[in-house]
Amino acid sequence: MGRNPPSHAGGGTAITVAETPFGAEKQADFARRAAREFNSIPLRKQVRDDIRNDSQLGHLLDAVAHLRCAVHEREQETGTESMLYRELETTQNGVAGYAEDSRVSEIIARACATVIEDGAEWGRSDSLDQEHIDEAATEGRQWLSQHTDIAGRLDLLDLVPDPPECDGSSRVRVTFVPQTWHKGRLVPAKNREHFVVPAEDATDDNGDLFDDGSCKAKQLWAHDNAPDQAREWDGPFTVALDWV
């Protein structure tokens, strides 16, 4: 015989996993939103399919759904000031943040690698145009070059193109990423700004780009070439650099 659903001291209605916005529906939403970040059709499809079908992401989202149920039940029993409630809520937010940020980024990185490594084989079929495959591979390499921390974690740095030699005429694109606080974590805001600076302003003595998000990279927010939107942003932010 199955168990009866538990009663709650606060008299509230129990929340079930089926009533949460996570699970398959949330995973599909992640897939749609991530795919829209790419222009090339093969890469967009690869990212969408890989995120939608990733079992680890599915398990994480299922865990978040169950944690949401536990948080709700703890709130009904002990209130939001309870230490146990706060600990559960912190765990829920941590797992949700890892799923949405770290795991999705890892899936995107592997999708980029798939397009780069398998594109030549796809080009031999009649289903995909070689020009579109080449565009996807280029876009995949560009994404990996802008996320070398993730590429390194997944042993994909060999797919990242070498930066051009800094000969005094090279330029660096600065991506200014404003951030906001969400559930106790810094997350990127929607409006990013891009501007270009001379390589000498964004590289060290060896000609290597400043590390993304480093203090030296962040100082470029005040560069003469920075747009007003970057200069006037008064909240937290990070900066990413890549060669033009």
Protein backbone atom coordinates (compact mmCIF):
# COMPACT_ATOMS: atom_id res chain seq x y z
CA MET A 1 0.00 0.00 0.00
CA GLY A 2 1.19 3.48 -0.80
CA ARG A 3 1.78 6.06 1.86
CA ASN A 4 -0.59 8.93 2.43
CA PRO A 5 0.88 12.36 1.68
CA PRO A 6 2.31 14.00 4.82
CA SER A 7 0.35 16.70 6.60
CA HIS A 8 1.90 20.12 7.20
CA ALA A 9 1.92 21.99 10.45
CA GLY A 10 1.20 25.27 8.67
CA GLY A 11 -1.91 23.90 6.99
CA GLY A 12 -0.59 24.74 3.51
CA THR A 13 -1.16 22.69 0.38
CA ALA A 14 1.58 20.19 -0.41
CA ILE A 15 3.69 20.88 -3.49
CA THR A 16 4.63 17.96 -5.70
CA VAL A 17 7.42 17.49 -8.22
CA ALA A 18 4.89 17.54 -11.03
CA GLU A 19 3.85 21.04 -9.99
CA THR A 20 7.35 22.53 -10.19
CA PRO A 21 8.62 24.36 -13.31
CA PHE A 22 11.64 22.08 -13.60
CA GLY A 23 12.12 18.64 -15.10
CA ALA A 24 11.76 18.08 -18.82
CA GLU A 25 9.99 21.39 -19.40
CA LYS A 26 12.80 23.37 -17.77
CA GLN A 27 15.44 21.41 -19.65
CA ALA A 28 13.71 22.14 -22.95
CA ASP A 29 13.58 25.83 -22.01
CA PHE A 30 17.33 25.85 -21.30
CA ALA A 31 17.89 24.23 -24.70
CA ARG A 32 15.81 26.82 -26.56
CA ARG A 33 17.41 29.79 -24.85
CA ALA A 34 20.98 28.54 -25.29
CA ALA A 35 20.44 27.70 -28.97
CA ARG A 36 19.28 31.25 -29.69
CA GLU A 37 22.75 32.52 -28.79
CA PHE A 38 24.19 30.99 -31.98
CA ASN A 39 23.77 32.05 -35.60
CA SER A 40 24.84 28.96 -37.52
CA ILE A 41 22.07 26.42 -37.96
CA PRO A 42 24.14 23.22 -37.39
CA LEU A 43 25.60 24.52 -34.13
CA ARG A 44 22.27 25.89 -32.97
CA LYS A 45 20.67 22.47 -33.54
CA GLN A 46 23.55 20.62 -31.87
CA VAL A 47 23.38 22.82 -28.77
CA ARG A 48 19.60 22.50 -28.54
CA ASP A 49 19.60 18.72 -28.92
CA ASP A 50 22.53 18.12 -26.56
CA ILE A 51 21.07 20.22 -23.76
CA ARG A 52 17.63 18.68 -24.19
CA ASN A 53 19.03 15.13 -24.05
CA ASP A 54 21.71 15.53 -21.37
CA SER A 55 20.95 13.05 -18.61
CA GLN A 56 23.15 14.77 -16.01
CA LEU A 57 21.28 18.03 -16.48
CA GLY A 58 18.03 16.13 -16.20
CA HIS A 59 19.12 14.58 -12.91
CA LEU A 60 20.16 17.99 -11.58
CA LEU A 61 16.81 19.52 -12.48
CA ASP A 62 14.98 16.60 -10.91
CA ALA A 63 17.04 17.17 -7.77
CA VAL A 64 16.08 20.84 -7.79
CA ALA A 65 12.42 19.89 -8.12
CA HIS A 66 12.62 17.57 -5.11
CA LEU A 67 14.53 20.18 -3.14
CA ARG A 68 11.81 22.72 -3.90
CA CYS A 69 9.29 20.30 -2.42
CA ALA A 70 11.45 19.84 0.67
CA VAL A 71 11.92 23.60 1.06
CA HIS A 72 8.17 24.14 0.80
CA GLU A 73 7.46 21.44 3.38
CA ARG A 74 10.09 22.83 5.76
CA GLU A 75 8.59 26.30 5.39
CA GLN A 76 5.16 24.94 6.33
CA GLU A 77 6.54 23.09 9.35
CA THR A 78 9.06 25.53 10.81
CA GLY A 79 8.80 28.85 8.94
CA THR A 80 11.37 30.69 6.86
CA GLU A 81 13.48 31.72 9.86
CA SER A 82 14.35 28.10 10.62
CA MET A 83 18.01 27.15 10.17
CA LEU A 84 16.95 23.94 8.44
CA TYR A 85 14.79 25.93 6.02
CA ARG A 86 17.66 28.25 5.15
CA GLU A 87 20.08 25.37 4.67
CA LEU A 88 17.68 23.59 2.34
CA GLU A 89 16.99 26.77 0.40
CA THR A 90 20.72 27.43 0.01
CA THR A 91 21.24 23.90 -1.29
CA GLN A 92 18.36 24.27 -3.74
CA ASN A 93 19.73 27.56 -5.08
CA GLY A 94 23.23 26.11 -5.38
CA VAL A 95 22.10 23.07 -7.38
CA ALA A 96 19.85 25.22 -9.58
CA GLY A 97 22.68 27.67 -10.25
CA TYR A 98 25.12 24.87 -11.10
CA ALA A 99 22.62 23.30 -13.49
CA GLU A 100 21.81 26.56 -15.27
CA ASP A 101 25.34 27.94 -15.49
CA SER A 102 28.10 25.35 -15.18
CA ARG A 103 26.41 22.27 -16.62
CA VAL A 104 24.74 24.08 -19.52
CA SER A 105 28.06 25.74 -20.40
CA GLU A 106 29.79 22.34 -20.41
CA ILE A 107 27.16 20.94 -22.75
CA ILE A 108 27.57 23.92 -25.10
CA ALA A 109 31.35 23.42 -25.10
CA ARG A 110 30.98 19.76 -26.05
CA ALA A 111 28.45 20.69 -28.76
CA CYS A 112 31.01 23.11 -30.20
CA ALA A 113 33.60 20.33 -30.16
CA THR A 114 31.20 17.95 -31.91
CA VAL A 115 30.58 20.42 -34.71
CA ILE A 116 34.29 21.15 -35.11
CA GLU A 117 35.41 17.50 -35.06
CA ASP A 118 32.53 15.86 -36.92
CA GLY A 119 31.71 18.63 -39.40
CA ALA A 120 33.84 17.15 -42.17
CA GLU A 121 31.88 13.90 -41.97
CA TRP A 122 28.59 15.77 -42.07
CA GLY A 123 29.75 17.58 -45.18
CA ARG A 124 29.92 14.29 -47.06
CA SER A 125 26.20 13.78 -46.58
CA ASP A 126 23.46 15.46 -48.56
CA SER A 127 21.65 16.76 -45.49
CA LEU A 128 23.94 19.69 -44.63
CA ASP A 129 25.59 22.35 -46.73
CA GLN A 130 29.38 22.50 -46.29
CA GLU A 131 29.30 26.29 -46.05
CA HIS A 132 26.91 26.11 -43.12
CA ILE A 133 29.08 23.48 -41.44
CA ASP A 134 32.17 25.67 -41.85
CA GLU A 135 30.29 28.61 -40.32
CA ALA A 136 29.25 26.42 -37.40
CA ALA A 137 32.81 25.22 -36.81
CA THR A 138 34.10 28.80 -36.87
CA GLU A 139 31.43 29.91 -34.42
CA GLY A 140 32.19 26.91 -32.21
CA ARG A 141 35.90 27.76 -32.11
CA GLN A 142 35.06 31.35 -31.30
CA TRP A 143 32.84 30.31 -28.38
CA LEU A 144 35.54 28.03 -27.00
CA SER A 145 38.15 30.79 -27.34
CA GLN A 146 35.90 33.05 -25.26
CA HIS A 147 35.36 30.36 -22.60
CA THR A 148 38.83 28.88 -22.18
CA ASP A 149 38.14 28.05 -18.53
CA ILE A 150 35.41 25.63 -19.60
CA ALA A 151 37.42 24.37 -22.58
CA GLY A 152 40.34 23.64 -20.27
CA ARG A 153 38.14 21.82 -17.76
CA LEU A 154 36.86 19.55 -20.54
CA ASP A 155 40.28 19.10 -22.21
CA LEU A 156 39.17 20.94 -25.36
CA LEU A 157 41.89 23.59 -25.53
CA ASP A 158 43.37 21.93 -28.61
CA LEU A 159 40.29 23.14 -30.50
CA VAL A 160 40.86 26.76 -29.52
CA PRO A 161 42.62 28.74 -32.27
CA ASP A 162 45.94 30.32 -31.41
CA PRO A 163 45.74 34.10 -31.04
CA PRO A 164 47.46 36.13 -33.73
CA GLU A 165 50.90 37.51 -33.11
CA CYS A 166 50.69 40.91 -31.50
CA ASP A 167 52.47 43.11 -34.06
CA GLY A 168 51.26 46.47 -32.82
CA SER A 169 48.38 46.60 -35.30
CA SER A 170 46.25 43.84 -33.73
CA ARG A 171 43.09 44.75 -31.88
CA VAL A 172 41.17 43.18 -29.04
CA ARG A 173 37.41 43.01 -28.66
CA VAL A 174 36.18 43.75 -25.16
CA THR A 175 32.85 42.28 -24.08
CA PHE A 176 31.46 44.18 -21.12
CA VAL A 177 29.03 41.94 -19.20
CA PRO A 178 26.90 43.72 -16.57
CA GLN A 179 25.78 41.46 -13.73
CA THR A 180 22.89 41.34 -11.29
CA TRP A 181 22.25 39.39 -8.11
CA HIS A 182 19.80 36.49 -8.41
CA LYS A 183 19.13 34.13 -5.52
CA GLY A 184 22.40 35.08 -3.90
CA ARG A 185 24.48 34.58 -7.06
CA LEU A 186 25.85 36.97 -9.65
CA VAL A 187 24.33 36.30 -13.07
CA PRO A 188 24.86 38.12 -16.40
CA ALA A 189 22.37 40.84 -17.25
CA LYS A 190 20.84 40.89 -20.73
CA ASN A 191 22.52 43.92 -22.27
CA ARG A 192 26.16 43.32 -23.12
CA GLU A 193 28.41 45.92 -24.71
CA HIS A 194 31.21 45.31 -27.21
CA PHE A 195 34.05 47.63 -28.10
CA VAL A 196 37.53 47.33 -29.60
CA VAL A 197 40.81 48.51 -28.10
CA PRO A 198 44.43 48.36 -29.28
CA ALA A 199 46.14 45.12 -28.33
CA GLU A 200 48.72 46.93 -26.21
CA ASP A 201 45.94 48.10 -23.88
CA ALA A 202 44.62 44.59 -23.23
CA THR A 203 47.76 42.43 -23.13
CA ASP A 204 50.61 41.79 -20.72
CA ASP A 205 54.34 42.11 -21.36
CA ASN A 206 54.33 38.75 -23.19
CA GLY A 207 51.57 39.82 -25.56
CA ASP A 208 48.98 37.56 -23.90
CA LEU A 209 45.46 38.78 -23.28
CA PHE A 210 44.55 39.72 -19.73
CA ASP A 211 42.56 36.96 -18.06
CA ASP A 212 38.79 37.35 -18.43
CA GLY A 213 37.32 38.97 -15.34
CA SER A 214 40.74 39.94 -13.95
CA CYS A 215 41.32 43.35 -12.40
CA LYS A 216 43.38 44.45 -15.38
CA ALA A 217 40.67 43.35 -17.82
CA LYS A 218 37.98 45.08 -15.78
CA GLN A 219 39.89 48.36 -15.91
CA LEU A 220 39.00 48.54 -19.60
CA TRP A 221 35.48 49.68 -18.64
CA ALA A 222 37.00 53.18 -18.44
CA HIS A 223 38.85 52.96 -21.77
CA ASP A 224 38.40 55.85 -24.18
CA ASN A 225 36.72 53.43 -26.62
CA ALA A 226 34.23 52.11 -24.07
CA PRO A 227 30.59 53.09 -24.73
CA ASP A 228 28.65 55.22 -22.28
CA GLN A 229 26.55 52.21 -21.24
CA ALA A 230 29.67 50.54 -19.83
CA ARG A 231 31.04 53.69 -18.23
CA GLU A 232 27.73 54.52 -16.56
CA TRP A 233 26.99 51.02 -15.21
CA ASP A 234 27.19 51.25 -11.42
CA GLY A 235 26.66 47.59 -10.56
CA PRO A 236 28.89 44.50 -10.62
CA PHE A 237 30.27 43.39 -13.97
CA THR A 238 32.85 41.21 -15.65
CA VAL A 239 34.85 41.53 -18.86
CA ALA A 240 35.81 39.01 -21.55
CA LEU A 241 38.53 39.58 -24.14
CA ASP A 242 39.19 38.02 -27.54
CA TRP A 243 41.27 38.86 -30.57
CA VAL A 244 39.67 40.66 -33.49
